[in-house]
Amino acid sequence: MVDRRSPTMLIGFGAFNLAEGAVDHQRLGLHVNETAPDREWSLWDFGFLA
């Protein structure tokens, strides 16, 4: 029988990383790539999350 905890844990880890990354990068402005032009910051942040 397949252990059902593994996929659930992977989904949980992915959801946590997505939520934590969105809060850190979009709301708090942490880890902002300051070498990129201002209009490209969100593209770099979304690329990091992908």
Protein backbone atom coordinates (compact mmCIF):
# COMPACT_ATOMS: atom_id res chain seq x y z
CA MET A 1 0.00 0.00 0.00
CA VAL A 2 1.25 3.47 -0.88
CA ASP A 3 2.11 5.74 2.00
CA ARG A 4 -0.22 8.72 1.66
CA ARG A 5 1.84 10.95 3.92
CA SER A 6 4.56 11.60 1.35
CA PRO A 7 2.43 13.46 -1.24
CA THR A 8 0.66 15.34 1.53
CA MET A 9 3.98 16.42 3.01
CA LEU A 10 5.25 17.57 -0.39
CA ILE A 11 2.10 19.62 -0.95
CA GLY A 12 2.45 21.09 2.53
CA PHE A 13 6.11 21.99 2.00
CA GLY A 14 5.29 23.58 -1.34
CA ALA A 15 2.39 25.58 0.10
CA PHE A 16 4.55 26.77 2.97
CA ASN A 17 7.36 27.87 0.65
CA LEU A 18 4.93 29.69 -1.62
CA ALA A 19 3.24 31.51 1.27
CA GLU A 20 6.52 32.30 3.05
CA GLY A 21 8.11 33.51 -0.16
CA ALA A 22 5.15 35.71 -1.01
CA VAL A 23 5.20 37.29 2.45
CA ASP A 24 8.98 37.78 2.51
CA HIS A 25 9.36 39.06 -1.01
CA GLN A 26 6.14 40.85 -1.79
CA ARG A 27 4.97 42.20 1.56
CA LEU A 28 8.16 42.69 3.54
CA GLY A 29 10.45 43.44 0.61
CA LEU A 30 13.17 41.09 1.83
CA HIS A 31 15.78 39.70 -0.55
CA VAL A 32 15.03 42.33 -3.17
CA ASN A 33 17.44 42.23 -6.10
CA GLU A 34 18.71 45.79 -6.00
CA THR A 35 20.77 45.43 -9.17
CA ALA A 36 17.64 45.08 -11.29
CA PRO A 37 15.70 48.13 -12.49
CA ASP A 38 12.73 49.10 -10.30
CA ARG A 39 10.16 47.91 -12.83
CA GLU A 40 11.69 44.39 -12.92
CA TRP A 41 11.83 43.67 -9.17
CA SER A 42 8.51 41.82 -9.08
CA LEU A 43 9.57 39.71 -12.09
CA TRP A 44 12.69 38.63 -10.21
CA ASP A 45 10.65 37.87 -7.10
CA PHE A 46 8.10 35.80 -9.02
CA GLY A 47 10.91 34.02 -10.86
CA PHE A 48 12.45 33.09 -7.53
CA LEU A 49 9.14 31.66 -6.34
CA ALA A 50 8.62 29.61 -9.51
